[in-house]
């Protein structure tokens, strides 16, 4: 995948990773993040479904930080909102923001997976 095919908001993060370690580092980091997120997004959804806001806030916060560092800003923003809702005791908001995060992850996967395999 070329930089031109990346979402505009992801380009600076990916370019920075490439600058530090080339395509191999991009591949390694994307692969690691995808494994992590594939496990955590369902855990986040489970926490929302069961009302476990403490666990949900922790998972959302961790996903937020990692996603933003890799340029998946929509995912990072959705996770930040989920964490805030969870910490604020807004159960309905937590569920809705968790759904937003799951959709954002699916969109991010479309450009992250090719980078993980390149």
N, C-alpha and C. Protein backbone atom coordinates (compact mmCIF):
# COMPACT_ATOMS: atom_id res chain seq x y z
N UNK A 1 0.85 -1.17 0.00
CA UNK A 1 0.00 0.00 0.00
C UNK A 1 0.90 1.23 0.00
N UNK A 2 0.61 2.16 -0.87
CA UNK A 2 1.38 3.39 -0.92
C UNK A 2 0.79 4.43 0.02
N UNK A 3 1.59 5.42 0.33
CA UNK A 3 1.11 6.49 1.19
C UNK A 3 -0.10 7.18 0.58
N UNK A 4 -0.16 7.27 -0.73
CA UNK A 4 -1.28 7.92 -1.40
C UNK A 4 -2.59 7.17 -1.16
N UNK A 5 -2.55 5.88 -0.87
CA UNK A 5 -3.76 5.09 -0.65
C UNK A 5 -4.24 5.13 0.80
N UNK A 6 -3.44 5.68 1.68
CA UNK A 6 -3.81 5.77 3.09
C UNK A 6 -4.80 6.90 3.30
N UNK A 7 -5.64 6.79 4.34
CA UNK A 7 -6.47 7.94 4.69
C UNK A 7 -5.56 9.13 5.01
N UNK A 8 -5.99 10.30 4.66
CA UNK A 8 -5.18 11.50 4.86
C UNK A 8 -4.71 11.65 6.30
N UNK A 9 -5.60 11.37 7.26
CA UNK A 9 -5.21 11.57 8.65
C UNK A 9 -4.25 10.51 9.16
N UNK A 10 -4.10 9.40 8.45
CA UNK A 10 -3.16 8.35 8.87
C UNK A 10 -1.76 8.55 8.30
N UNK A 11 -1.65 9.32 7.26
CA UNK A 11 -0.36 9.45 6.57
C UNK A 11 0.78 9.94 7.46
N UNK A 12 0.58 10.98 8.26
CA UNK A 12 1.72 11.44 9.08
C UNK A 12 2.24 10.36 10.03
N UNK A 13 1.35 9.62 10.65
CA UNK A 13 1.79 8.58 11.59
C UNK A 13 2.54 7.47 10.86
N UNK A 14 2.02 7.02 9.75
CA UNK A 14 2.67 5.95 9.00
C UNK A 14 4.00 6.42 8.43
N UNK A 15 4.04 7.65 7.93
CA UNK A 15 5.30 8.20 7.42
C UNK A 15 6.36 8.27 8.53
N UNK A 16 5.95 8.63 9.73
CA UNK A 16 6.88 8.71 10.85
C UNK A 16 7.43 7.33 11.21
N UNK A 17 6.56 6.34 11.23
CA UNK A 17 7.01 4.97 11.51
C UNK A 17 7.98 4.50 10.44
N UNK A 18 7.66 4.78 9.18
CA UNK A 18 8.56 4.41 8.07
C UNK A 18 9.91 5.09 8.20
N UNK A 19 9.89 6.34 8.61
CA UNK A 19 11.12 7.10 8.76
C UNK A 19 12.03 6.45 9.81
N UNK A 20 11.42 5.94 10.87
CA UNK A 20 12.18 5.33 11.96
C UNK A 20 12.67 3.94 11.59
N UNK A 21 11.80 3.11 10.99
CA UNK A 21 12.17 1.72 10.78
C UNK A 21 11.79 1.10 9.46
N UNK A 22 11.37 1.91 8.52
CA UNK A 22 11.04 1.41 7.20
C UNK A 22 9.76 0.60 7.17
N UNK A 23 9.52 -0.04 6.05
CA UNK A 23 8.31 -0.83 5.85
C UNK A 23 8.22 -2.01 6.80
N UNK A 24 9.36 -2.55 7.20
CA UNK A 24 9.36 -3.69 8.13
C UNK A 24 8.76 -3.28 9.47
N UNK A 25 9.11 -2.13 9.96
CA UNK A 25 8.55 -1.66 11.23
C UNK A 25 7.05 -1.36 11.09
N UNK A 26 6.67 -0.77 9.98
CA UNK A 26 5.24 -0.53 9.73
C UNK A 26 4.49 -1.86 9.77
N UNK A 27 5.01 -2.85 9.08
CA UNK A 27 4.39 -4.18 9.03
C UNK A 27 4.28 -4.78 10.43
N UNK A 28 5.35 -4.72 11.18
CA UNK A 28 5.37 -5.30 12.53
C UNK A 28 4.39 -4.60 13.46
N UNK A 29 4.38 -3.28 13.44
CA UNK A 29 3.49 -2.52 14.33
C UNK A 29 2.03 -2.73 13.94
N UNK A 30 1.73 -2.71 12.67
CA UNK A 30 0.34 -2.90 12.24
C UNK A 30 -0.14 -4.31 12.58
N UNK A 31 0.70 -5.27 12.37
CA UNK A 31 0.34 -6.65 12.69
C UNK A 31 0.06 -6.80 14.19
N UNK A 32 0.92 -6.22 14.99
CA UNK A 32 0.75 -6.28 16.45
C UNK A 32 -0.54 -5.57 16.87
N UNK A 33 -0.77 -4.38 16.34
CA UNK A 33 -1.98 -3.65 16.70
C UNK A 33 -3.23 -4.41 16.29
N UNK A 34 -3.24 -4.97 15.10
CA UNK A 34 -4.42 -5.70 14.64
C UNK A 34 -4.72 -6.90 15.53
N UNK A 35 -3.69 -7.63 15.92
CA UNK A 35 -3.91 -8.75 16.86
C UNK A 35 -4.50 -8.24 18.17
N UNK A 36 -3.94 -7.18 18.68
CA UNK A 36 -4.39 -6.58 19.92
C UNK A 36 -5.84 -6.11 19.80
N UNK A 37 -6.14 -5.37 18.75
CA UNK A 37 -7.47 -4.79 18.59
C UNK A 37 -8.53 -5.86 18.30
N UNK A 38 -8.15 -6.89 17.55
CA UNK A 38 -9.11 -7.97 17.28
C UNK A 38 -9.55 -8.66 18.57
N UNK A 39 -8.69 -8.65 19.56
CA UNK A 39 -9.05 -9.22 20.87
C UNK A 39 -9.79 -8.20 21.72
N UNK A 40 -9.35 -6.95 21.70
CA UNK A 40 -9.89 -5.95 22.62
C UNK A 40 -11.25 -5.40 22.20
N UNK A 41 -11.49 -5.23 20.92
CA UNK A 41 -12.79 -4.68 20.50
C UNK A 41 -13.94 -5.57 20.97
N UNK A 42 -13.87 -6.89 20.79
CA UNK A 42 -14.94 -7.73 21.34
C UNK A 42 -15.04 -7.65 22.87
N UNK A 43 -13.89 -7.52 23.54
CA UNK A 43 -13.92 -7.37 25.00
C UNK A 43 -14.61 -6.05 25.39
N UNK A 44 -14.36 -5.01 24.62
CA UNK A 44 -15.01 -3.73 24.85
C UNK A 44 -16.51 -3.85 24.66
N UNK A 45 -16.91 -4.55 23.61
CA UNK A 45 -18.34 -4.76 23.35
C UNK A 45 -18.98 -5.58 24.47
N UNK A 46 -18.28 -6.60 24.95
CA UNK A 46 -18.80 -7.40 26.06
C UNK A 46 -18.97 -6.54 27.31
N UNK A 47 -17.99 -5.69 27.58
CA UNK A 47 -18.09 -4.81 28.75
C UNK A 47 -19.28 -3.87 28.63
N UNK A 48 -19.52 -3.36 27.43
CA UNK A 48 -20.68 -2.47 27.22
C UNK A 48 -21.98 -3.23 27.43
N UNK A 49 -22.05 -4.44 26.88
CA UNK A 49 -23.27 -5.24 27.00
C UNK A 49 -23.58 -5.61 28.45
N UNK A 50 -22.55 -5.84 29.25
CA UNK A 50 -22.77 -6.26 30.63
C UNK A 50 -22.74 -5.09 31.62
N UNK A 51 -22.48 -3.89 31.11
CA UNK A 51 -22.45 -2.72 31.99
C UNK A 51 -21.19 -2.61 32.82
N UNK A 52 -20.13 -3.29 32.43
CA UNK A 52 -18.86 -3.25 33.15
C UNK A 52 -18.07 -2.02 32.70
N UNK A 53 -18.44 -0.88 33.26
CA UNK A 53 -17.83 0.36 32.81
C UNK A 53 -16.37 0.50 33.22
N UNK A 54 -15.98 -0.10 34.33
CA UNK A 54 -14.57 -0.02 34.74
C UNK A 54 -13.66 -0.70 33.73
N UNK A 55 -14.01 -1.95 33.38
CA UNK A 55 -13.23 -2.67 32.38
C UNK A 55 -13.31 -1.98 31.03
N UNK A 56 -14.50 -1.56 30.67
CA UNK A 56 -14.69 -0.89 29.38
C UNK A 56 -13.88 0.38 29.26
N UNK A 57 -13.83 1.17 30.32
CA UNK A 57 -13.05 2.41 30.28
C UNK A 57 -11.57 2.12 30.08
N UNK A 58 -11.08 1.09 30.73
CA UNK A 58 -9.67 0.72 30.60
C UNK A 58 -9.35 0.25 29.19
N UNK A 59 -10.19 -0.62 28.66
CA UNK A 59 -9.96 -1.13 27.30
C UNK A 59 -10.05 0.00 26.28
N UNK A 60 -11.08 0.83 26.40
CA UNK A 60 -11.26 1.94 25.45
C UNK A 60 -10.08 2.90 25.50
N UNK A 61 -9.59 3.19 26.70
CA UNK A 61 -8.46 4.09 26.84
C UNK A 61 -7.21 3.53 26.16
N UNK A 62 -6.97 2.26 26.36
CA UNK A 62 -5.80 1.62 25.75
C UNK A 62 -5.91 1.60 24.23
N UNK A 63 -7.08 1.24 23.72
CA UNK A 63 -7.28 1.24 22.27
C UNK A 63 -7.12 2.65 21.70
N UNK A 64 -7.66 3.63 22.41
CA UNK A 64 -7.58 5.03 21.96
C UNK A 64 -6.12 5.43 21.72
N UNK A 65 -5.30 5.19 22.71
CA UNK A 65 -3.90 5.61 22.62
C UNK A 65 -3.18 4.94 21.46
N UNK A 66 -3.33 3.64 21.33
CA UNK A 66 -2.66 2.90 20.26
C UNK A 66 -3.18 3.32 18.90
N UNK A 67 -4.48 3.44 18.76
CA UNK A 67 -5.07 3.81 17.47
C UNK A 67 -4.58 5.18 17.02
N UNK A 68 -4.59 6.13 17.92
CA UNK A 68 -4.15 7.48 17.56
C UNK A 68 -2.69 7.50 17.15
N UNK A 69 -1.84 6.73 17.82
CA UNK A 69 -0.42 6.70 17.46
C UNK A 69 -0.21 6.15 16.06
N UNK A 70 -1.14 5.32 15.59
CA UNK A 70 -1.00 4.71 14.27
C UNK A 70 -1.81 5.43 13.20
N UNK A 71 -2.45 6.52 13.56
CA UNK A 71 -3.18 7.31 12.57
C UNK A 71 -4.63 6.90 12.37
N UNK A 72 -5.12 5.99 13.18
CA UNK A 72 -6.54 5.59 13.10
C UNK A 72 -7.32 6.53 14.01
N UNK A 73 -7.43 7.77 13.58
CA UNK A 73 -7.96 8.82 14.44
C UNK A 73 -9.44 8.65 14.74
N UNK A 74 -10.23 8.18 13.79
CA UNK A 74 -11.66 7.96 14.05
C UNK A 74 -11.84 6.89 15.12
N UNK A 75 -11.04 5.85 15.05
CA UNK A 75 -11.09 4.81 16.08
C UNK A 75 -10.65 5.38 17.42
N UNK A 76 -9.58 6.13 17.42
CA UNK A 76 -9.11 6.74 18.66
C UNK A 76 -10.15 7.67 19.27
N UNK A 77 -10.80 8.46 18.44
CA UNK A 77 -11.82 9.38 18.94
C UNK A 77 -13.03 8.62 19.49
N UNK A 78 -13.45 7.57 18.81
CA UNK A 78 -14.59 6.78 19.29
C UNK A 78 -14.25 6.11 20.62
N UNK A 79 -13.04 5.61 20.74
CA UNK A 79 -12.63 4.98 22.00
C UNK A 79 -12.52 6.01 23.12
N UNK A 80 -12.05 7.20 22.80
CA UNK A 80 -11.98 8.25 23.82
C UNK A 80 -13.37 8.59 24.32
N UNK A 81 -14.33 8.69 23.41
CA UNK A 81 -15.71 8.97 23.81
C UNK A 81 -16.30 7.83 24.62
N UNK A 82 -15.98 6.59 24.24
CA UNK A 82 -16.46 5.44 25.01
C UNK A 82 -15.89 5.46 26.42
N UNK A 83 -14.62 5.75 26.54
CA UNK A 83 -14.00 5.80 27.86
C UNK A 83 -14.61 6.89 28.72
N UNK A 84 -14.84 8.06 28.13
CA UNK A 84 -15.46 9.15 28.88
C UNK A 84 -16.87 8.79 29.34
N UNK A 85 -17.64 8.18 28.46
CA UNK A 85 -18.99 7.76 28.82
C UNK A 85 -18.95 6.73 29.94
N UNK A 86 -18.05 5.77 29.82
CA UNK A 86 -17.94 4.73 30.85
C UNK A 86 -17.55 5.33 32.19
N UNK A 87 -16.55 6.19 32.17
CA UNK A 87 -16.09 6.81 33.43
C UNK A 87 -17.16 7.72 34.03
N UNK A 88 -17.99 8.30 33.17
CA UNK A 88 -19.03 9.20 33.64
C UNK A 88 -20.31 8.50 34.05
N UNK A 89 -20.33 7.18 33.94
CA UNK A 89 -21.51 6.42 34.33
C UNK A 89 -22.66 6.50 33.34
N UNK A 90 -22.38 6.93 32.12
CA UNK A 90 -23.41 7.02 31.07
C UNK A 90 -23.46 5.70 30.32
N UNK A 91 -24.27 4.76 30.83
CA UNK A 91 -24.32 3.41 30.25
C UNK A 91 -24.78 3.43 28.81
N UNK A 92 -25.82 4.18 28.51
CA UNK A 92 -26.32 4.24 27.13
C UNK A 92 -25.28 4.86 26.20
N UNK A 93 -24.64 5.90 26.66
CA UNK A 93 -23.58 6.52 25.86
C UNK A 93 -22.41 5.60 25.66
N UNK A 94 -22.07 4.85 26.69
CA UNK A 94 -20.98 3.88 26.60
C UNK A 94 -21.29 2.83 25.54
N UNK A 95 -22.51 2.31 25.54
CA UNK A 95 -22.90 1.31 24.54
C UNK A 95 -22.82 1.91 23.14
N UNK A 96 -23.36 3.11 22.97
CA UNK A 96 -23.37 3.74 21.64
C UNK A 96 -21.95 4.04 21.17
N UNK A 97 -21.11 4.56 22.04
CA UNK A 97 -19.73 4.88 21.64
C UNK A 97 -18.92 3.61 21.36
N UNK A 98 -19.24 2.53 22.08
CA UNK A 98 -18.58 1.26 21.82
C UNK A 98 -18.95 0.75 20.43
N UNK A 99 -20.20 0.91 20.05
CA UNK A 99 -20.63 0.53 18.69
C UNK A 99 -19.90 1.38 17.65
N UNK A 100 -19.75 2.68 17.95
CA UNK A 100 -18.99 3.56 17.05
C UNK A 100 -17.55 3.07 16.91
N UNK A 101 -16.96 2.66 18.03
CA UNK A 101 -15.58 2.18 18.01
C UNK A 101 -15.45 0.90 17.18
N UNK A 102 -16.41 0.00 17.32
CA UNK A 102 -16.36 -1.25 16.54
C UNK A 102 -16.45 -0.95 15.05
N UNK A 103 -17.32 -0.02 14.67
CA UNK A 103 -17.43 0.34 13.24
C UNK A 103 -16.15 1.02 12.76
N UNK A 104 -15.59 1.89 13.59
CA UNK A 104 -14.35 2.58 13.21
C UNK A 104 -13.21 1.59 13.05
N UNK A 105 -13.17 0.56 13.89
CA UNK A 105 -12.13 -0.45 13.76
C UNK A 105 -12.29 -1.20 12.43
N UNK A 106 -13.50 -1.54 12.07
CA UNK A 106 -13.71 -2.24 10.80
C UNK A 106 -13.24 -1.37 9.63
N UNK A 107 -13.50 -0.08 9.69
CA UNK A 107 -13.02 0.82 8.62
C UNK A 107 -11.49 0.90 8.62
N UNK A 108 -10.90 0.99 9.80
CA UNK A 108 -9.44 1.09 9.89
C UNK A 108 -8.76 -0.19 9.39
N UNK A 109 -9.39 -1.31 9.63
CA UNK A 109 -8.81 -2.58 9.18
C UNK A 109 -8.59 -2.59 7.67
N UNK A 110 -9.43 -1.88 6.91
CA UNK A 110 -9.31 -1.90 5.45
C UNK A 110 -7.98 -1.34 4.97
N UNK A 111 -7.40 -0.41 5.71
CA UNK A 111 -6.10 0.10 5.30
C UNK A 111 -4.95 -0.44 6.17
N UNK A 112 -5.27 -0.91 7.36
CA UNK A 112 -4.22 -1.46 8.23
C UNK A 112 -3.79 -2.86 7.80
N UNK A 113 -4.73 -3.70 7.42
CA UNK A 113 -4.37 -5.07 7.06
C UNK A 113 -3.39 -5.14 5.90
N UNK A 114 -3.58 -4.36 4.82
CA UNK A 114 -2.55 -4.40 3.76
C UNK A 114 -1.17 -3.97 4.25
N UNK A 115 -1.12 -3.02 5.17
CA UNK A 115 0.18 -2.60 5.72
C UNK A 115 0.80 -3.70 6.56
N UNK A 116 -0.02 -4.48 7.23
CA UNK A 116 0.49 -5.58 8.06
C UNK A 116 1.02 -6.72 7.21
N UNK A 117 0.62 -6.80 5.97
CA UNK A 117 1.03 -7.89 5.08
C UNK A 117 2.06 -7.46 4.06
N UNK A 118 2.26 -6.16 3.93
CA UNK A 118 3.14 -5.64 2.86
C UNK A 118 4.58 -6.06 3.07
